[in-house]
PDB file of N, CA and C in Angstrom:
ATOM      1  N   UNK A   1       3.923  -5.573   1.288  1.00  0.00           N
ATOM      2  CA  UNK A   1       4.623  -5.584  -0.246  1.00  0.00           C
ATOM      3  C   UNK A   1       5.417  -4.421  -0.872  1.00  0.00           C
ATOM      4  N   UNK A   2       4.692  -3.083   0.022  1.00  0.00           N
ATOM      5  CA  UNK A   2       5.380  -2.240  -0.579  1.00  0.00           C
ATOM      6  C   UNK A   2       7.099  -2.149  -0.240  1.00  0.00           C
ATOM      7  N   UNK A   3       7.515  -2.844   0.871  1.00  0.00           N
ATOM      8  CA  UNK A   3       8.818  -2.650   1.083  1.00  0.00           C
ATOM      9  C   UNK A   3       9.896  -3.781   0.393  1.00  0.00           C
ATOM     10  N   UNK A   4       9.315  -4.279  -0.838  1.00  0.00           N
ATOM     11  CA  UNK A   4       9.950  -5.062  -1.552  1.00  0.00           C
ATOM     12  C   UNK A   4      10.149  -4.534  -2.816  1.00  0.00           C
ATOM     13  N   UNK A   5       9.999  -3.046  -2.822  1.00  0.00           N
ATOM     14  CA  UNK A   5      10.367  -1.939  -3.901  1.00  0.00           C
ATOM     15  C   UNK A   5      11.395  -1.228  -3.307  1.00  0.00           C
ATOM     16  N   UNK A   6      11.844  -0.240  -3.950  1.00  0.00           N
ATOM     17  CA  UNK A   6      12.658   0.726  -3.499  1.00  0.00           C
ATOM     18  C   UNK A   6      11.998   1.566  -2.566  1.00  0.00           C
ATOM     19  N   UNK A   7      13.112   2.285  -1.766  1.00  0.00           N
ATOM     20  CA  UNK A   7      14.252   2.129  -1.491  1.00  0.00           C
ATOM     21  C   UNK A   7      14.768   0.818  -0.475  1.00  0.00           C
ATOM     22  N   UNK A   8      13.808   0.118  -0.268  1.00  0.00           N
ATOM     23  CA  UNK A   8      14.117  -1.089   0.791  1.00  0.00           C
ATOM     24  C   UNK A   8      14.678  -2.122   0.131  1.00  0.00           C
ATOM     25  N   UNK A   9      14.032  -2.605  -1.302  1.00  0.00           N
ATOM     26  CA  UNK A   9      14.738  -3.413  -1.940  1.00  0.00           C
ATOM     27  C   UNK A   9      14.667  -4.818  -1.220  1.00  0.00           C
ATOM     28  N   UNK A  10      13.502  -5.227  -0.384  1.00  0.00           N
ATOM     29  CA  UNK A  10      13.441  -6.408   0.206  1.00  0.00           C
ATOM     30  C   UNK A  10      12.506  -7.399  -0.568  1.00  0.00           C
ATOM     31  N   UNK A  11      12.839  -7.782  -1.696  1.00  0.00           N
ATOM     32  CA  UNK A  11      12.042  -8.405  -2.672  1.00  0.00           C
ATOM     33  C   UNK A  11      11.606  -9.633  -2.385  1.00  0.00           C
ATOM     34  N   UNK A  12      12.127 -10.523  -1.388  1.00  0.00           N
ATOM     35  CA  UNK A  12      11.408 -11.798  -1.181  1.00  0.00           C
ATOM     36  C   UNK A  12      10.073 -11.658  -0.267  1.00  0.00           C
ATOM     37  N   UNK A  13       9.883 -10.239   0.104  1.00  0.00           N
ATOM     38  CA  UNK A  13       8.743  -9.710   0.985  1.00  0.00           C
ATOM     39  C   UNK A  13       7.540  -9.739   0.053  1.00  0.00           C
ATOM     40  N   UNK A  14       7.722  -9.792  -1.088  1.00  0.00           N
ATOM     41  CA  UNK A  14       6.685  -9.578  -2.131  1.00  0.00           C
ATOM     42  C   UNK A  14       5.825 -11.028  -2.228  1.00  0.00           C
ATOM     43  N   UNK A  15       6.951 -12.309  -2.505  1.00  0.00           N
ATOM     44  CA  UNK A  15       6.188 -13.638  -2.659  1.00  0.00           C
ATOM     45  C   UNK A  15       5.792 -13.739  -0.791  1.00  0.00           C
ATOM     46  N   UNK A  16       6.487 -13.554   0.043  1.00  0.00           N
ATOM     47  CA  UNK A  16       5.772 -13.854   1.349  1.00  0.00           C
ATOM     48  C   UNK A  16       4.422 -13.289   1.443  1.00  0.00           C
ATOM     49  N   UNK A  17       4.151 -11.647   0.808  1.00  0.00           N
ATOM     50  CA  UNK A  17       3.306 -11.087   1.278  1.00  0.00           C
ATOM     51  C   UNK A  17       1.771 -11.706   0.365  1.00  0.00           C
ATOM     52  N   UNK A  18       2.188 -12.126  -0.531  1.00  0.00           N
ATOM     53  CA  UNK A  18       1.067 -12.993  -1.603  1.00  0.00           C
ATOM     54  C   UNK A  18       0.871 -14.335  -1.001  1.00  0.00           C
ATOM     55  N   UNK A  19       1.697 -14.813  -0.771  1.00  0.00           N
ATOM     56  CA  UNK A  19       1.279 -16.250  -0.112  1.00  0.00           C
ATOM     57  C   UNK A  19       0.451 -16.120   1.411  1.00  0.00           C
ATOM     58  N   UNK A  20       0.823 -14.993   2.021  1.00  0.00           N
ATOM     59  CA  UNK A  20       0.125 -14.938   3.443  1.00  0.00           C
ATOM     60  C   UNK A  20      -1.517 -14.374   2.962  1.00  0.00           C
ATOM     61  N   UNK A  21      -1.491 -13.348   1.979  1.00  0.00           N
ATOM     62  CA  UNK A  21      -2.860 -13.435   1.486  1.00  0.00           C
ATOM     63  C   UNK A  21      -3.801 -14.701   1.107  1.00  0.00           C
ATOM     64  N   UNK A  22      -2.924 -15.295   0.156  1.00  0.00           N
ATOM     65  CA  UNK A  22      -3.521 -16.609  -0.303  1.00  0.00           C
ATOM     66  C   UNK A  22      -4.099 -17.624   1.078  1.00  0.00           C
ATOM     67  N   UNK A  23      -3.022 -17.697   2.017  1.00  0.00           N
ATOM     68  CA  UNK A  23      -3.342 -18.503   3.163  1.00  0.00           C
ATOM     69  C   UNK A  23      -4.454 -18.059   3.762  1.00  0.00           C
ATOM     70  N   UNK A  24      -4.470 -16.606   3.982  1.00  0.00           N
ATOM     71  CA  UNK A  24      -5.688 -16.321   4.591  1.00  0.00           C
ATOM     72  C   UNK A  24      -6.987 -16.392   4.162  1.00  0.00           C
ATOM     73  N   UNK A  25      -7.132 -16.179   2.774  1.00  0.00           N
ATOM     74  CA  UNK A  25      -8.339 -16.368   2.226  1.00  0.00           C
ATOM     75  C   UNK A  25      -8.773 -17.467   1.459  1.00  0.00           C
ATOM     76  N   UNK A  26      -8.022 -18.413   1.423  1.00  0.00           N
ATOM     77  CA  UNK A  26      -8.024 -19.998   0.942  1.00  0.00           C
ATOM     78  C   UNK A  26      -9.474 -20.689   1.363  1.00  0.00           C
ATOM     79  N   UNK A  27      -9.732 -20.518   2.795  1.00  0.00           N
ATOM     80  CA  UNK A  27     -10.843 -21.074   3.169  1.00  0.00           C
ATOM     81  C   UNK A  27     -12.167 -20.144   3.465  1.00  0.00           C
ATOM     82  N   UNK A  28     -12.016 -19.043   3.213  1.00  0.00           N
ATOM     83  CA  UNK A  28     -12.897 -17.920   3.354  1.00  0.00           C
ATOM     84  C   UNK A  28     -14.217 -18.172   2.373  1.00  0.00           C
ATOM     85  N   UNK A  29     -15.323 -17.584   2.605  1.00  0.00           N
ATOM     86  CA  UNK A  29     -16.280 -17.484   1.649  1.00  0.00           C
ATOM     87  C   UNK A  29     -15.735 -16.405   0.562  1.00  0.00           C
ATOM     88  N   UNK A  30     -16.457 -16.384  -0.820  1.00  0.00           N
ATOM     89  CA  UNK A  30     -16.122 -15.686  -1.757  1.00  0.00           C
ATOM     90  C   UNK A  30     -16.067 -14.087  -1.405  1.00  0.00           C
ATOM     91  N   UNK A  31     -17.225 -13.827  -0.690  1.00  0.00           N
ATOM     92  CA  UNK A  31     -17.293 -12.583  -0.277  1.00  0.00           C
ATOM     93  C   UNK A  31     -16.289 -12.066   0.659  1.00  0.00           C
ATOM     94  N   UNK A  32     -16.431 -12.706   1.617  1.00  0.00           N
ATOM     95  CA  UNK A  32     -15.042 -12.159   2.687  1.00  0.00           C
ATOM     96  C   UNK A  32     -14.016 -12.213   1.960  1.00  0.00           C
ATOM     97  N   UNK A  33     -13.427 -13.098   1.330  1.00  0.00           N
ATOM     98  CA  UNK A  33     -12.291 -13.229   0.592  1.00  0.00           C
ATOM     99  C   UNK A  33     -12.119 -11.794  -0.266  1.00  0.00           C
ATOM    100  N   UNK A  34     -13.212 -11.423  -0.711  1.00  0.00           N
ATOM    101  CA  UNK A  34     -12.870 -10.125  -1.880  1.00  0.00           C
ATOM    102  C   UNK A  34     -12.938  -9.034  -0.849  1.00  0.00           C
ATOM    103  N   UNK A  35     -13.436  -8.912   0.398  1.00  0.00           N
ATOM    104  CA  UNK A  35     -13.150  -7.844   1.414  1.00  0.00           C
ATOM    105  C   UNK A  35     -11.979  -7.920   1.485  1.00  0.00           C
ATOM    106  N   UNK A  36     -11.216  -8.980   2.250  1.00  0.00           N
ATOM    107  CA  UNK A  36      -9.840  -9.291   2.534  1.00  0.00           C
ATOM    108  C   UNK A  36      -8.833  -8.858   1.466  1.00  0.00           C
ATOM    109  N   UNK A  37      -9.134  -9.223  -0.057  1.00  0.00           N
ATOM    110  CA  UNK A  37      -8.311  -8.730  -0.828  1.00  0.00           C
ATOM    111  C   UNK A  37      -8.282  -7.337  -0.644  1.00  0.00           C
ATOM    112  N   UNK A  38      -9.676  -6.671  -0.949  1.00  0.00           N
ATOM    113  CA  UNK A  38      -9.640  -5.181  -1.023  1.00  0.00           C
ATOM    114  C   UNK A  38      -8.860  -4.199   0.164  1.00  0.00           C
ATOM    115  N   UNK A  39      -8.990  -4.784   1.165  1.00  0.00           N
ATOM    116  CA  UNK A  39      -8.358  -4.363   2.343  1.00  0.00           C
ATOM    117  C   UNK A  39      -6.600  -4.495   2.164  1.00  0.00           C
ATOM    118  N   UNK A  40      -6.132  -5.530   1.826  1.00  0.00           N
ATOM    119  CA  UNK A  40      -4.926  -5.600   1.140  1.00  0.00           C
ATOM    120  C   UNK A  40      -4.524  -4.727   0.416  1.00  0.00           C
ATOM    121  N   UNK A  41      -5.412  -5.037  -0.810  1.00  0.00           N
ATOM    122  CA  UNK A  41      -5.026  -3.918  -1.978  1.00  0.00           C
ATOM    123  C   UNK A  41      -4.978  -2.247  -1.618  1.00  0.00           C
ATOM    124  N   UNK A  42      -6.149  -1.919  -0.582  1.00  0.00           N
ATOM    125  CA  UNK A  42      -5.729  -0.600  -0.202  1.00  0.00           C
ATOM    126  C   UNK A  42      -4.599  -0.332   0.658  1.00  0.00           C
ATOM    127  N   UNK A  43      -4.336  -1.193   1.634  1.00  0.00           N
ATOM    128  CA  UNK A  43      -3.325  -1.140   2.244  1.00  0.00           C
ATOM    129  C   UNK A  43      -1.649  -0.909   1.427  1.00  0.00           C
ATOM    130  N   UNK A  44      -1.880  -1.703   0.428  1.00  0.00           N
ATOM    131  CA  UNK A  44      -0.461  -1.717  -0.433  1.00  0.00           C
ATOM    132  C   UNK A  44      -0.296  -0.398  -1.192  1.00  0.00           C
ATOM    133  N   UNK A  45      -1.428   0.004  -1.424  1.00  0.00           N
ATOM    134  CA  UNK A  45      -1.678   1.330  -2.380  1.00  0.00           C
ATOM    135  C   UNK A  45      -1.292   2.327  -1.000  1.00  0.00           C
ATOM    136  N   UNK A  46      -2.010   2.594  -0.043  1.00  0.00           N
ATOM    137  CA  UNK A  46      -1.743   3.687   0.872  1.00  0.00           C
ATOM    138  C   UNK A  46      -0.315   3.449   1.409  1.00  0.00           C
ATOM    139  N   UNK A  47       0.495   2.443   1.598  1.00  0.00           N
ATOM    140  CA  UNK A  47       1.678   2.129   1.870  1.00  0.00           C
ATOM    141  C   UNK A  47       2.726   2.895   0.715  1.00  0.00           C
ATOM    142  N   UNK A  48       1.982   2.596  -0.409  1.00  0.00           N
ATOM    143  CA  UNK A  48       2.911   2.970  -1.732  1.00  0.00           C
ATOM    144  C   UNK A  48       2.871   4.251  -2.231  1.00  0.00           C
ATOM    145  N   UNK A  49       1.983   5.151  -2.064  1.00  0.00           N
ATOM    146  CA  UNK A  49       1.990   6.359  -1.952  1.00  0.00           C
ATOM    147  C   UNK A  49       2.713   7.506  -1.153  1.00  0.00           C
ATOM    148  N   UNK A  50       3.200   7.172  -0.136  1.00  0.00           N
ATOM    149  CA  UNK A  50       3.831   8.174   0.899  1.00  0.00           C
ATOM    150  C   UNK A  50       4.898   9.000  -0.018  1.00  0.00           C
ATOM    151  N   UNK A  51       5.490   8.575  -1.009  1.00  0.00           N
ATOM    152  CA  UNK A  51       6.520   9.424  -1.471  1.00  0.00           C
ATOM    153  C   UNK A  51       5.554  10.550  -2.307  1.00  0.00           C
ATOM    154  N   UNK A  52       4.353  10.464  -2.656  1.00  0.00           N
ATOM    155  CA  UNK A  52       3.681  11.457  -3.254  1.00  0.00           C
ATOM    156  C   UNK A  52       3.700  12.767  -2.234  1.00  0.00           C
ATOM    157  N   UNK A  53       3.229  12.410  -0.886  1.00  0.00           N
ATOM    158  CA  UNK A  53       3.220  13.167   0.042  1.00  0.00           C
ATOM    159  C   UNK A  53       4.768  14.406   0.209  1.00  0.00           C
ATOM    160  N   UNK A  54       5.547  13.376   0.257  1.00  0.00           N
ATOM    161  CA  UNK A  54       6.791  14.171   0.461  1.00  0.00           C
ATOM    162  C   UNK A  54       7.177  15.122  -0.565  1.00  0.00           C
ATOM    163  N   UNK A  55       6.923  14.236  -1.581  1.00  0.00           N
ATOM    164  CA  UNK A  55       7.144  15.144  -2.987  1.00  0.00           C
ATOM    165  C   UNK A  55       6.544  16.538  -2.843  1.00  0.00           C
ATOM    166  N   UNK A  56       5.211  16.221  -2.624  1.00  0.00           N
ATOM    167  CA  UNK A  56       4.374  17.639  -2.568  1.00  0.00           C
ATOM    168  C   UNK A  56       4.818  18.747  -1.575  1.00  0.00           C
ATOM    169  N   UNK A  57       5.031  17.675  -0.347  1.00  0.00           N
ATOM    170  CA  UNK A  57       5.454  18.837   0.725  1.00  0.00           C
ATOM    171  C   UNK A  57       6.876  19.564   1.042  1.00  0.00           C
ATOM    172  N   UNK A  58       7.881  18.797   0.043  1.00  0.00           N
ATOM    173  CA  UNK A  58       9.105  19.193   0.248  1.00  0.00           C
ATOM    174  C   UNK A  58       9.680  20.051  -1.029  1.00  0.00           C
ATOM    175  N   UNK A  59       8.945  19.095  -2.243  1.00  0.00           N
ATOM    176  CA  UNK A  59       9.533  20.120  -3.517  1.00  0.00           C
ATOM    177  C   UNK A  59       8.410  20.805  -4.039  1.00  0.00           C
ATOM    178  N   UNK A  60       7.075  20.678  -3.659  1.00  0.00           N
ATOM    179  CA  UNK A  60       6.062  21.606  -3.893  1.00  0.00           C
ATOM    180  C   UNK A  60       6.004  22.570  -3.044  1.00  0.00           C
ATOM    181  N   UNK A  61       6.256  22.694  -2.017  1.00  0.00           N
ATOM    182  CA  UNK A  61       6.404  23.520  -0.625  1.00  0.00           C
ATOM    183  C   UNK A  61       4.852  24.045  -0.361  1.00  0.00           C
ATOM    184  N   UNK A  62       4.288  22.802  -0.363  1.00  0.00           N
ATOM    185  CA  UNK A  62       2.812  22.978  -0.009  1.00  0.00           C
ATOM    186  C   UNK A  62       2.654  22.587   1.660  1.00  0.00           C
ATOM    187  N   UNK A  63       1.886  23.270   2.374  1.00  0.00           N
ATOM    188  CA  UNK A  63       1.530  23.538   3.626  1.00  0.00           C
ATOM    189  C   UNK A  63       1.055  21.717   3.640  1.00  0.00           C
ATOM    190  N   UNK A  64       1.081  21.242   4.746  1.00  0.00           N
ATOM    191  CA  UNK A  64       0.810  19.629   5.295  1.00  0.00           C
ATOM    192  C   UNK A  64      -0.697  19.438   4.938  1.00  0.00           C
ATOM    193  N   UNK A  65      -1.551  20.280   5.232  1.00  0.00           N
ATOM    194  CA  UNK A  65      -3.042  19.573   4.990  1.00  0.00           C
ATOM    195  C   UNK A  65      -3.271  19.636   3.785  1.00  0.00           C
ATOM    196  N   UNK A  66      -2.604  20.744   2.778  1.00  0.00           N
ATOM    197  CA  UNK A  66      -2.782  20.513   1.312  1.00  0.00           C
ATOM    198  C   UNK A  66      -2.215  19.418   0.857  1.00  0.00           C
ATOM    199  N   UNK A  67      -0.922  19.163   1.310  1.00  0.00           N
ATOM    200  CA  UNK A  67      -0.116  17.598   0.919  1.00  0.00           C
ATOM    201  C   UNK A  67      -0.754  16.496   1.099  1.00  0.00           C
ATOM    202  N   UNK A  68      -1.749  16.380   1.966  1.00  0.00           N
ATOM    203  CA  UNK A  68      -2.267  15.339   2.525  1.00  0.00           C
ATOM    204  C   UNK A  68      -3.806  14.953   1.568  1.00  0.00           C
ATOM    205  N   UNK A  69      -4.156  16.392   1.287  1.00  0.00           N
ATOM    206  CA  UNK A  69      -5.566  16.671   0.641  1.00  0.00           C
ATOM    207  C   UNK A  69      -4.914  16.098  -1.076  1.00  0.00           C
ATOM    208  N   UNK A  70      -3.820  16.637  -1.563  1.00  0.00           N
ATOM    209  CA  UNK A  70      -3.465  16.312  -2.946  1.00  0.00           C
ATOM    210  C   UNK A  70      -2.910  14.559  -2.743  1.00  0.00           C
ATOM    211  N   UNK A  71      -2.489  14.284  -1.869  1.00  0.00           N
ATOM    212  CA  UNK A  71      -2.033  12.703  -1.835  1.00  0.00           C
ATOM    213  C   UNK A  71      -3.342  11.816  -1.816  1.00  0.00           C
ATOM    214  N   UNK A  72      -4.664  12.061  -1.220  1.00  0.00           N
ATOM    215  CA  UNK A  72      -5.509  11.479  -1.002  1.00  0.00           C
ATOM    216  C   UNK A  72      -6.223  11.703  -2.584  1.00  0.00           C
ATOM    217  N   UNK A  73      -6.099  12.550  -3.279  1.00  0.00           N
ATOM    218  CA  UNK A  73      -6.431  12.402  -4.674  1.00  0.00           C
ATOM    219  C   UNK A  73      -6.081  11.481  -5.611  1.00  0.00           C
TER     220      UNK A  73
END
């Protein structure tokens, strides 16, 4: 789903991504569906914050381990 936003702008992927999540969790038990949704959300978040690392590293002139730590916060 992060690829559906800038700079890629592949907006149809957002619909495909949510449809695939629904297709995977529709037959699961609620607890397993919640875990799968959590994994989906964490992956979406992790792929969506890559720009923070680059901003801190390049424009903030931070060393790589510090930039990773600041991104993780």
